Protein backbone atom coordinates (compact mmCIF):
# COMPACT_ATOMS: atom_id res chain seq x y z
CA MET A 1 0.00 0.00 0.00
CA ILE A 2 2.80 2.40 0.93
CA LYS A 3 4.56 1.52 -2.35
CA LYS A 4 1.45 2.42 -4.38
CA ILE A 5 1.06 5.73 -2.53
CA ALA A 6 4.72 6.58 -3.17
CA THR A 7 4.37 5.72 -6.85
CA ALA A 8 1.25 7.90 -7.18
CA ALA A 9 3.00 10.76 -5.45
CA LEU A 10 5.95 10.53 -7.80
CA ILE A 11 3.62 10.51 -10.81
CA SER A 12 1.81 13.59 -9.48
CA LEU A 13 5.05 15.43 -8.85
CA PHE A 14 6.26 14.56 -12.36
CA SER A 15 2.98 15.78 -13.88
CA LEU A 16 3.10 19.01 -11.90
CA SER A 17 6.71 19.64 -12.89
CA THR A 18 5.83 18.99 -16.53
CA VAL A 19 2.92 21.44 -16.39
CA PHE A 20 5.04 23.99 -14.54
CA ALA A 21 7.82 23.63 -17.11
CA ALA A 22 5.33 23.99 -19.94
CA THR A 23 4.04 27.25 -18.49
CA THR A 24 7.36 28.81 -17.52
CA THR A 25 10.10 27.85 -19.98
CA TYR A 26 8.70 28.88 -23.34
CA ILE A 27 9.15 32.64 -23.34
CA GLU A 28 11.03 33.58 -26.49
CA ALA A 29 12.21 37.16 -26.87
CA ALA A 30 12.22 38.61 -30.40
CA ILE A 31 13.46 41.96 -31.73
CA SER A 32 11.90 43.51 -34.81
CA THR A 33 13.77 46.46 -36.34
CA ASP A 34 15.81 47.27 -39.43
CA GLU A 35 19.49 46.40 -39.57
CA GLY A 36 20.30 49.85 -40.94
CA LEU A 37 19.02 52.84 -38.97
CA GLN A 38 19.29 56.46 -39.99
CA LEU A 39 21.48 58.58 -37.73
CA LYS A 40 19.72 61.03 -35.35
CA LYS A 41 16.30 59.79 -36.46
CA SER A 42 13.99 57.86 -34.13
CA SER A 43 13.56 54.22 -35.13
CA VAL A 44 11.04 51.69 -33.82
CA PHE A 45 12.26 48.76 -31.73
CA ASP A 46 9.44 46.25 -31.46
CA ALA A 47 9.23 43.26 -29.08
CA SER A 48 5.58 42.37 -29.80
CA GLU A 49 6.61 39.30 -31.80
CA SER A 50 8.06 37.74 -28.64
CA PHE A 51 6.28 34.54 -27.62
CA ILE A 52 4.58 34.84 -24.21
CA PRO A 53 2.78 31.62 -23.12
CA ASN A 54 1.04 33.12 -20.06
CA LEU A 55 -0.67 36.33 -21.10
CA ASP A 56 -2.35 36.72 -17.70
CA ARG A 57 1.00 37.55 -16.08
CA GLU A 58 2.62 40.97 -16.09
CA VAL A 59 5.49 40.99 -18.59
CA SER A 60 8.46 43.36 -18.59
CA TYR A 61 10.52 44.32 -21.65
CA GLU A 62 13.97 45.73 -20.89
CA TRP A 63 16.03 47.23 -23.69
CA ASP A 64 19.75 48.00 -23.84
CA PHE A 65 20.62 49.83 -27.07
CA GLY A 66 24.40 49.41 -26.81
CA ASP A 67 25.12 53.16 -26.77
CA GLY A 68 24.65 53.61 -23.03
CA ASN A 69 20.87 54.13 -23.26
CA LYS A 70 18.25 51.78 -21.81
CA ASN A 71 14.46 51.73 -21.82
CA GLU A 72 11.41 49.59 -21.06
CA GLY A 73 8.33 48.79 -23.11
CA VAL A 74 6.98 46.62 -25.91
CA GLN A 75 7.59 49.26 -28.59
CA ILE A 76 10.31 51.83 -28.06
CA LEU A 77 11.58 54.75 -30.14
CA HIS A 78 15.32 55.34 -30.07
CA ALA A 79 17.75 57.45 -32.09
CA TYR A 80 21.50 56.91 -32.33
CA GLN A 81 23.66 60.03 -32.28
CA GLU A 82 26.92 58.58 -33.62
CA PRO A 83 27.41 56.35 -36.68
CA GLY A 84 28.55 52.80 -36.09
CA ARG A 85 27.48 49.26 -35.30
CA TYR A 86 25.63 48.58 -32.07
CA THR A 87 24.28 45.46 -30.35
CA VAL A 88 20.72 45.80 -29.07
CA ASN A 89 19.80 43.51 -26.14
CA LEU A 90 16.26 42.65 -25.07
CA ASN A 91 15.23 40.86 -21.88
CA VAL A 92 11.63 39.65 -21.61
CA SER A 93 10.40 38.39 -18.22
CA ASP A 94 7.06 37.47 -16.61
CA GLY A 95 8.46 37.26 -13.09
CA ILE A 96 8.97 33.49 -13.18
CA SER A 97 10.90 32.90 -16.36
CA SER A 98 12.74 35.14 -18.79
CA SER A 99 14.32 35.15 -22.22
CA GLU A 100 17.09 37.26 -23.67
CA THR A 101 18.03 38.00 -27.27
CA SER A 102 20.17 40.48 -29.19
CA LYS A 103 20.46 42.00 -32.65
CA ASP A 104 23.21 43.96 -34.39
CA VAL A 105 22.19 47.26 -36.01
CA PHE A 106 24.14 49.93 -37.84
CA ALA A 107 23.48 53.66 -37.47
CA TYR A 108 24.31 55.31 -40.80
CA ARG A 109 24.76 58.81 -42.14
CA LYS A 110 23.98 57.61 -45.66
CA LEU A 111 22.16 54.55 -47.04
CA ILE A 112 23.16 53.04 -50.39
CA VAL A 113 21.21 50.22 -52.02
CA LEU A 114 23.51 48.02 -54.11
CA ILE A 115 21.86 45.99 -56.88
CA THR A 116 24.30 43.35 -58.10
CA ASP A 117 24.75 39.96 -59.74
CA GLN A 118 28.58 39.96 -59.64
CA THR A 119 29.17 36.50 -58.16
CA GLU A 120 32.91 36.67 -58.79
CA ALA A 121 33.06 39.95 -56.83
CA GLU A 122 31.19 38.63 -53.77
CA ASP A 123 34.27 38.91 -51.52
CA ARG A 124 35.01 42.36 -52.92
CA ILE A 125 31.47 43.46 -52.08
CA GLN A 126 31.93 42.35 -48.46
CA ASN A 127 35.12 44.45 -48.30
CA ILE A 128 33.21 47.39 -49.77
CA LYS A 129 30.54 47.03 -47.07
CA GLN A 130 33.20 47.03 -44.35
CA PHE A 131 34.87 50.11 -45.81
CA ALA A 132 31.50 51.83 -46.07
CA GLU A 133 30.74 51.18 -42.40
CA SER A 134 34.06 52.75 -41.46
CA GLU A 135 32.78 55.86 -43.28
CA GLY A 136 29.39 55.75 -41.56
CA VAL A 137 27.65 54.44 -44.68
CA PHE A 138 25.36 51.40 -44.73
CA ILE A 139 25.07 49.34 -47.93
CA GLU A 140 21.96 47.21 -48.39
CA VAL A 141 22.81 44.51 -50.95
CA ILE A 142 20.11 43.18 -53.27
CA GLU A 143 21.77 40.36 -55.19
CA SER A 144 21.19 37.59 -57.71
CA PHE A 145 24.48 35.75 -57.22
CA GLY A 146 24.85 32.61 -59.30
CA SER A 147 22.55 33.75 -62.12
CA ALA A 148 23.44 31.96 -65.34
CA THR A 149 22.45 34.81 -67.68
CA ASP A 150 21.45 38.47 -67.73
CA PHE A 151 17.83 37.39 -68.33
CA ILE A 152 17.71 35.16 -65.26
CA SER A 153 19.45 37.86 -63.20
CA GLU A 154 16.90 40.48 -64.26
CA GLU A 155 13.96 38.29 -63.25
CA ILE A 156 15.42 37.50 -59.82
CA LEU A 157 16.41 41.11 -59.14
CA THR A 158 12.96 42.39 -60.14
CA LYS A 159 11.36 40.07 -57.59
CA LYS A 160 13.79 41.08 -54.82
CA LEU A 161 13.44 44.79 -55.56
CA ASN A 162 9.70 44.50 -54.98
CA GLU A 163 10.43 42.89 -51.61
CA GLU A 164 12.95 45.61 -50.65
CA ALA A 165 10.83 48.63 -51.61
CA LYS A 166 11.10 50.04 -48.07
CA ASN A 167 14.91 50.26 -48.20
CA ILE A 168 14.82 51.71 -51.72
CA ARG A 169 12.46 54.43 -50.47
CA LYS A 170 14.87 55.37 -47.65
CA ALA A 171 18.05 55.26 -49.77
CA GLY A 172 19.51 58.45 -51.18
CA ASP A 173 21.81 56.61 -53.59
CA ILE A 174 21.22 53.47 -55.62
CA MET A 175 24.27 51.67 -57.00
CA VAL A 176 23.87 49.15 -59.82
CA TRP A 177 26.68 46.69 -60.52
CA THR A 178 25.41 44.02 -62.89
CA ASN A 179 26.25 42.40 -66.19
CA ALA A 180 24.97 44.33 -69.18
CA ASN A 181 21.93 46.42 -68.20
CA SER A 182 20.05 43.85 -66.10
CA GLY A 183 20.11 45.90 -62.86
CA ILE A 184 18.69 49.07 -64.46
CA ASN A 185 16.14 46.93 -66.34
CA ALA A 186 15.05 45.23 -63.11
CA LEU A 187 14.66 48.60 -61.36
CA SER A 188 12.51 50.01 -64.17
CA ARG A 189 10.34 46.87 -64.20
CA SER A 190 9.91 47.12 -60.44
CA ILE A 191 8.75 50.70 -60.87
CA GLN A 192 6.29 49.75 -63.61
CA ASN A 193 4.74 46.66 -62.07
CA GLY A 194 5.77 46.49 -58.40
CA LYS A 195 5.85 48.26 -55.06
CA SER A 196 8.55 50.66 -56.26
CA SER A 197 5.95 52.43 -58.41
CA LYS A 198 4.99 54.56 -55.39
CA ILE A 199 8.56 55.71 -54.72
CA ASN A 200 9.67 59.20 -55.74
CA PHE A 201 13.09 58.85 -57.41
CA SER A 202 13.46 62.54 -58.30
CA GLN A 203 15.87 63.11 -55.38
CA LYS A 204 17.76 59.85 -55.79
CA THR A 205 20.97 59.33 -57.72
CA ILE A 206 21.67 56.08 -59.54
CA THR A 207 25.28 55.06 -60.15
CA SER A 208 25.82 52.25 -62.64
CA ILE A 209 29.18 50.47 -62.42
CA THR A 210 30.45 49.24 -65.79
CA ASP A 211 33.78 48.61 -67.51
CA ASN A 212 32.78 50.78 -70.46
CA PRO A 213 30.53 53.71 -69.43
CA SER A 214 30.14 55.14 -72.94
CA ALA A 215 28.95 51.79 -74.36
CA TYR A 216 25.85 51.73 -72.16
CA THR A 217 24.90 55.39 -72.34
CA SER A 218 22.15 55.07 -74.96
CA ARG A 219 20.58 51.96 -73.39
CA THR A 220 20.55 53.62 -69.98
CA GLU A 221 19.05 56.82 -71.40
CA ARG A 222 16.02 54.78 -72.50
CA GLN A 223 15.32 53.92 -68.87
CA PHE A 224 15.72 57.49 -67.57
CA ASP A 225 12.23 58.74 -68.44
CA LEU A 226 10.74 55.68 -66.79
CA ILE A 227 12.70 55.85 -63.51
CA LYS A 228 12.89 59.68 -63.40
CA PRO A 229 15.86 59.92 -60.99
CA LYS A 230 17.86 63.04 -60.26
CA ASN A 231 20.56 61.68 -62.57
CA ILE A 232 22.23 58.44 -63.58
CA ASN A 233 26.02 58.22 -63.37
CA LEU A 234 27.93 55.59 -65.32
CA ALA A 235 31.45 54.94 -64.04
CA LYS A 236 34.04 52.23 -63.53
CA GLU A 237 34.45 50.10 -60.41
CA GLY A 238 36.94 52.47 -58.83
CA ALA A 239 34.16 55.06 -58.44
CA ILE A 240 32.54 52.96 -55.69
CA ASP A 241 34.93 54.20 -53.01
CA ILE A 242 34.47 57.79 -54.21
CA LEU A 243 30.69 57.44 -53.94
CA ILE A 244 30.98 56.10 -50.37
CA GLU A 245 33.28 58.92 -49.26
CA SER A 246 31.25 61.69 -50.88
CA ILE A 247 28.80 63.61 -48.71
CA ASN A 248 26.39 64.24 -51.59
CA ASP A 249 25.91 63.71 -55.32
CA GLN A 250 27.54 66.96 -56.36
CA GLU A 251 30.71 66.18 -54.41
CA PHE A 252 30.80 62.74 -56.07
CA ILE A 253 30.57 64.23 -59.57
CA ASN A 254 33.10 66.96 -58.78
CA THR A 255 35.60 64.36 -57.54
CA LEU A 256 35.16 62.26 -60.69
CA GLU A 257 35.79 65.31 -62.87
CA GLU A 258 38.77 66.55 -60.82
CA LYS A 259 40.46 63.14 -61.10
CA ALA A 260 39.51 62.89 -64.80
CA TYR A 261 37.84 59.58 -64.03
CA PRO A 262 35.97 58.04 -67.02
CA HIS A 263 32.25 58.56 -66.46
CA GLU A 264 29.02 59.60 -68.12
CA ILE A 265 26.21 61.63 -66.57
CA ILE A 266 22.65 61.13 -67.80
CA THR A 267 20.02 63.72 -66.95
CA SER A 268 16.65 64.78 -68.37
CA ARG A 269 18.51 67.00 -70.84
CA THR A 270 20.66 64.24 -72.37
CA GLY A 271 19.76 61.52 -74.81
CA LYS A 272 17.65 63.54 -77.22
CA LEU A 273 16.71 61.51 -80.29
CA ARG A 274 17.65 62.61 -83.79
CA PRO A 275 15.67 61.96 -87.02
CA TRP A 276 18.06 59.17 -87.98
CA ASN A 277 17.37 57.43 -84.65
CA PHE A 278 13.81 56.57 -85.72
CA MET A 279 14.03 52.96 -84.49
CA SER A 280 15.37 54.14 -81.14
CA PHE A 281 12.21 56.22 -80.79
CA PHE A 282 10.03 53.12 -81.15
CA VAL A 283 12.26 51.12 -78.80
CA ASN A 284 11.96 53.88 -76.17
CA SER A 285 8.19 53.85 -76.63
CA LEU A 286 8.04 50.09 -76.01
CA ILE A 287 10.18 50.38 -72.86
CA ASN A 288 8.05 53.22 -71.50
CA ASN A 289 4.97 51.04 -72.05
CA GLY A 290 6.34 48.20 -69.95
CA VAL A 291 8.12 45.95 -72.49
CA PRO A 292 11.30 44.58 -70.81
CA ASP A 293 14.57 45.79 -72.33
CA ASN A 294 15.91 42.23 -72.57
CA THR A 295 12.86 41.14 -74.56
CA ILE A 296 13.59 43.89 -77.08
CA ALA A 297 17.25 42.82 -77.05
CA LEU A 298 16.28 39.29 -78.16
CA LEU A 299 14.20 40.68 -81.02
CA LEU A 300 17.06 42.93 -82.15
CA LEU A 301 19.68 40.17 -81.86
CA LEU A 302 17.68 37.56 -83.80
CA PRO A 303 18.50 39.12 -87.24
CA LEU A 304 22.20 39.15 -86.25
CA ILE A 305 22.03 35.50 -85.18
CA ALA A 306 20.27 34.52 -88.41
CA THR A 307 22.91 36.39 -90.45
CA VAL A 308 25.75 34.62 -88.64
CA VAL A 309 24.09 31.25 -89.32
CA ALA A 310 23.63 32.17 -93.00
CA PHE A 311 27.31 33.17 -93.24
CA MET A 312 28.45 29.90 -91.63
CA LYS A 313 26.36 27.91 -94.10
CA GLN A 314 26.97 29.90 -97.27
CA VAL A 315 30.60 30.98 -96.88
CA VAL A 316 32.13 28.56 -94.40
CA GLY A 317 30.11 25.57 -95.58
CA ILE A 318 29.01 24.10 -92.23
CA THR A 319 25.82 22.04 -92.53
CA THR A 320 23.04 22.64 -90.02
CA PHE A 321 19.37 21.76 -89.47
CA GLY A 322 18.26 24.76 -91.52
CA ILE A 323 18.44 28.26 -90.07
CA TYR A 324 15.63 28.04 -87.51
CA THR A 325 17.16 25.30 -85.34
CA PRO A 326 20.57 26.93 -84.69
CA SER A 327 18.84 30.29 -84.17
CA ILE A 328 16.45 28.92 -81.55
CA ILE A 329 19.35 27.14 -79.83
CA THR A 330 21.30 30.41 -79.69
CA LEU A 331 18.35 32.35 -78.24
CA SER A 332 17.89 29.61 -75.61
CA PHE A 333 21.59 29.96 -74.69
CA PHE A 334 20.99 33.68 -74.10
CA ILE A 335 18.07 32.99 -71.77
CA ILE A 336 19.28 30.01 -69.71
CA GLY A 337 23.03 30.02 -70.34
CA ILE A 338 25.18 27.99 -72.66
CA TYR A 339 25.94 25.17 -70.21
CA ALA A 340 22.33 24.61 -69.13
CA GLY A 341 21.39 24.64 -72.81
CA LEU A 342 24.05 22.11 -73.74
CA ILE A 343 23.01 19.81 -70.87
CA THR A 344 19.39 19.97 -72.04
CA LEU A 345 20.35 19.17 -75.63
CA ALA A 346 22.69 16.36 -74.56
CA VAL A 347 19.93 14.70 -72.49
CA ALA A 348 17.38 15.05 -75.29
CA ILE A 349 19.68 13.71 -78.01
CA THR A 350 20.98 10.84 -75.88
CA VAL A 351 17.48 9.68 -74.94
CA GLY A 352 16.37 9.99 -78.59
CA ALA A 353 19.34 7.96 -79.80
CA LEU A 354 18.75 5.20 -77.22
CA VAL A 355 14.97 4.96 -77.50
CA ARG A 356 14.63 5.09 -81.28
CA PRO A 357 16.11 1.58 -81.94
CA ILE A 358 13.76 0.10 -79.34
CA LEU A 359 10.70 1.77 -80.85
CA LYS A 360 11.82 0.73 -84.33
CA LYS A 361 10.95 -2.85 -83.44
CA LEU A 362 7.37 -1.84 -82.72
CA ARG A 363 4.99 -1.51 -85.62
CA MET A 364 3.79 2.03 -84.96
CA LEU A 365 3.27 5.23 -86.90
CA PHE A 366 5.98 7.90 -86.74
CA ILE A 367 4.00 10.58 -84.85
CA PRO A 368 3.02 8.36 -81.89
CA LYS A 369 6.63 7.16 -81.72
CA MET A 370 7.84 10.75 -81.49
CA ALA A 371 5.27 11.44 -78.78
CA ILE A 372 6.75 8.54 -76.78
CA VAL A 373 10.28 9.85 -77.38
CA ILE A 374 9.38 13.37 -76.20
CA THR A 375 7.61 11.89 -73.16
CA LEU A 376 10.74 9.95 -72.20
CA VAL A 377 12.90 13.04 -72.83
CA SER A 378 10.65 15.07 -70.51
CA LEU A 379 10.90 12.42 -67.79
CA SER A 380 14.68 12.30 -68.20
CA LEU A 381 14.90 16.10 -67.91
CA LEU A 382 12.73 15.95 -64.80
CA PHE A 383 15.17 13.45 -63.29
CA VAL A 384 18.14 15.67 -64.23
CA LEU A 385 16.45 18.71 -62.66
CA ILE A 386 15.80 16.78 -59.44
CA ILE A 387 19.46 15.79 -59.21
CA SER A 388 20.78 19.26 -60.19
CA ASN A 389 18.51 20.93 -57.63
CA ALA A 390 19.66 18.50 -54.93
CA ILE A 391 23.36 19.18 -55.59
CA GLY A 392 22.80 22.93 -56.00
CA LEU A 393 23.61 23.12 -59.73
CA PHE A 394 20.31 24.88 -60.51
CA ASP A 395 18.16 26.54 -57.85
CA SER A 396 14.38 26.83 -57.80
CA GLU A 397 14.38 30.46 -58.99
CA PHE A 398 16.44 29.53 -62.04
CA LEU A 399 14.23 26.55 -62.89
CA SER A 400 11.02 28.56 -62.59
CA ILE A 401 12.30 30.91 -65.30
CA ALA A 402 14.33 28.52 -67.45
CA ILE A 403 11.94 25.58 -67.77
CA PHE A 404 10.20 26.85 -70.93
CA PRO A 405 13.41 27.37 -73.00
CA MET A 406 14.62 23.97 -71.79
CA LEU A 407 11.41 22.34 -73.02
CA ILE A 408 11.80 24.07 -76.40
CA LEU A 409 15.33 22.68 -76.71
CA SER A 410 14.11 19.19 -75.78
CA THR A 411 11.62 19.19 -78.66
CA LEU A 412 14.53 19.51 -81.12
CA VAL A 413 15.03 15.78 -80.59
CA GLU A 414 12.48 15.31 -83.39
CA LYS A 415 14.98 16.82 -85.87
CA PHE A 416 17.65 14.43 -84.69
CA VAL A 417 15.42 11.33 -84.79
CA SER A 418 14.17 12.21 -88.28
CA ALA A 419 17.74 12.69 -89.55
CA LYS A 420 18.78 9.41 -87.89
CA SER A 421 15.97 7.57 -89.67
CA GLU A 422 16.95 9.02 -93.06
CA LYS A 423 20.76 9.21 -92.87
CA GLY A 424 21.85 6.95 -90.02
CA LEU A 425 23.18 7.64 -86.54
CA SER A 426 26.65 8.92 -87.49
CA SER A 427 25.35 11.39 -90.09
CA ALA A 428 22.65 12.65 -87.71
CA ALA A 429 25.23 13.07 -84.93
CA VAL A 430 27.57 15.04 -87.21
CA LEU A 431 24.69 17.24 -88.39
CA MET A 432 23.56 17.98 -84.82
CA THR A 433 27.16 18.65 -83.73
CA GLU A 434 27.68 21.16 -86.55
CA THR A 435 24.35 22.80 -85.71
CA VAL A 436 25.41 23.25 -82.08
CA ILE A 437 28.85 24.58 -83.13
CA VAL A 438 27.19 27.21 -85.34
CA ALA A 439 24.82 28.11 -82.49
CA ILE A 440 27.78 28.59 -80.12
CA ILE A 441 29.60 30.78 -82.66
CA ALA A 442 26.45 32.88 -83.19
CA TYR A 443 26.02 33.12 -79.40
CA PHE A 444 29.57 34.44 -79.00
CA ILE A 445 29.36 36.94 -81.89
CA ALA A 446 26.00 38.22 -80.58
CA GLY A 447 27.61 39.05 -77.23
CA GLY A 448 27.15 35.89 -75.17
CA GLU A 449 29.76 35.03 -72.54
CA ILE A 450 31.56 31.67 -72.63
CA ASN A 451 33.14 30.86 -69.28
CA LEU A 452 36.05 28.43 -69.67
CA GLY A 453 36.98 28.29 -66.00
CA LEU A 454 40.37 29.98 -65.96
CA PHE A 455 39.13 32.72 -68.27
CA SER A 456 36.01 33.74 -70.15
CA LEU A 457 35.38 34.81 -73.74
CA HIS A 458 33.15 37.83 -74.20
CA PHE A 459 32.74 39.94 -77.35
CA GLU A 460 30.19 42.72 -76.86
CA PHE A 461 30.98 45.23 -79.60
CA ILE A 462 28.39 44.12 -82.19
CA ARG A 463 25.72 43.53 -79.55
CA ASN A 464 26.23 46.97 -77.99
CA LEU A 465 26.22 48.58 -81.42
CA ILE A 466 22.87 47.02 -82.38
CA LEU A 467 21.22 47.62 -79.01
CA THR A 468 22.49 51.21 -78.89
CA TYR A 469 21.64 51.97 -82.52
CA PRO A 470 18.85 49.58 -83.62
CA GLU A 471 18.95 51.18 -87.08
CA THR A 472 22.15 49.21 -87.82
CA ILE A 473 19.98 46.10 -88.26
CA LEU A 474 19.14 47.42 -91.72
CA LEU A 475 22.78 46.83 -92.69
CA LEU A 476 22.18 43.12 -92.14
CA LEU A 477 19.76 43.15 -95.07
CA GLY A 478 22.58 44.19 -97.40
CA ILE A 479 24.88 41.52 -95.95
CA ASN A 480 22.25 38.84 -96.54
CA VAL A 481 21.69 40.05 -100.11
CA ALA A 482 25.45 39.63 -100.71
CA LEU A 483 25.38 36.17 -99.12
CA GLY A 484 22.45 35.23 -101.36
CA LYS A 485 24.58 35.97 -104.43
CA TRP A 486 27.59 34.02 -103.16
CA SER A 487 28.73 31.65 -105.91
CA GLY A 488 32.29 30.81 -104.95
CA LEU A 489 33.62 27.75 -103.18
CA ARG A 490 32.95 27.51 -99.48
CA ILE A 491 35.83 27.39 -97.02
CA MET A 492 35.07 23.77 -96.09
CA GLU A 493 35.00 22.84 -99.77
CA ARG A 494 38.37 24.48 -100.31
CA LEU A 495 39.80 22.44 -97.46
CA ARG A 496 38.20 19.23 -98.73
CA PHE A 497 39.37 19.67 -102.32
CA ARG A 498 42.65 21.46 -101.64
CA GLU A 499 44.67 18.77 -103.48
CA VAL A 500 42.48 19.02 -106.58
CA LEU A 501 42.68 22.82 -106.52
CA ARG A 502 46.44 22.66 -106.16
CA HIS A 503 46.74 20.43 -109.26
CA ILE A 504 44.41 22.73 -111.23
CA GLU A 505 46.54 25.75 -110.33
CA GLU A 506 49.67 23.86 -111.45
């Protein structure tokens, strides 16, 4: 009997201790405030998101702001008087249990929003942030690191800019450091279709970091009327430190001019169109009506890509699947990147080559066979995407944008299977290989970047010329007329019959 009573008592004590623990050990303090806080301006420090299990008890909120000032309350206003980084401590207590948490904040004299996709400069950007803090400047980074192409980068940055509208509103300076014009494009799209549309940019200065300021002047001017900032400065990377050290925009510009630093300044008075820039007028109109700059770039680059393909076929003598197939491959490379495009093609062609002999044994019509092939290609691509996502090769943001171009590339397996049926596997493989080679050449000439690990190949002159002066596309008509009248031997034919030609000359 005594044993049973002791056991019951122990069970009761255990239950009471469990209940007591459940009601006293789950306070979780939480601080809600921005990481960057404007100097000498009251900012809200909010503890209302703290978890309090027993609301019937009186709760105290004790703040230590790290600058010698303390206060009590759920929501407190506090202003820092000196720039620098501070640690804010919060202690939440209900008299029985308590919880403590902390958060680092930076009191700044100037806020700069940095829009970037420069993955290779990620360490450099961290050093820039540290230098900026030593100058009392806080840099809020909005990044799309790891983006395969300018198009993917623009989509990701547009989404993040909509999420960071509050910081953009507070910033006096916006710095853009991206490949091509993707950062400026993303900002203009955010203004057109996102939360940034309610922000007044008339007192904000935009500084675009580029290796060649003059090359991007005209493309940036197209975005000026849409963003309507105070001005847009184009300068090289070295201007970043000058911008951080400058008290205001005028001092920044004066320093650039005193040091004879290469830069361009775009204002409402620059970029006036001339009668011979008639196509630029229509391009500007499209941009102002919400058409993305990169979409227009694809339309303008397509004639160049088609001309390169025509030259490779007519003059060089490389055989391809017509002109459409290499052109669509090149455009896909621009959207999703050359390596993602090549992986997609390799999977599609490999599956087509392996499945076709098996289906050949079945007595079926060609179209249903191709439907089966495309189905198996789609399943194979799904498997590849699952693996690549697991190992971090492609992230979810990339896949959400790139899936459609990848599906278009996968449907090119029909060309390969048809050629294999007519000419055999080796001939079809050679034809597809030459098609891909021509697509890569067109991609490079049209301004695409080919990263070879130790170095990268990038030729932007023709691309910048066409995108800056769309009227130059008309010159491609004359080039194609000349190619259409080409009647001489192709380069490949000269190589193939060089012995015969040598004997004829003798």
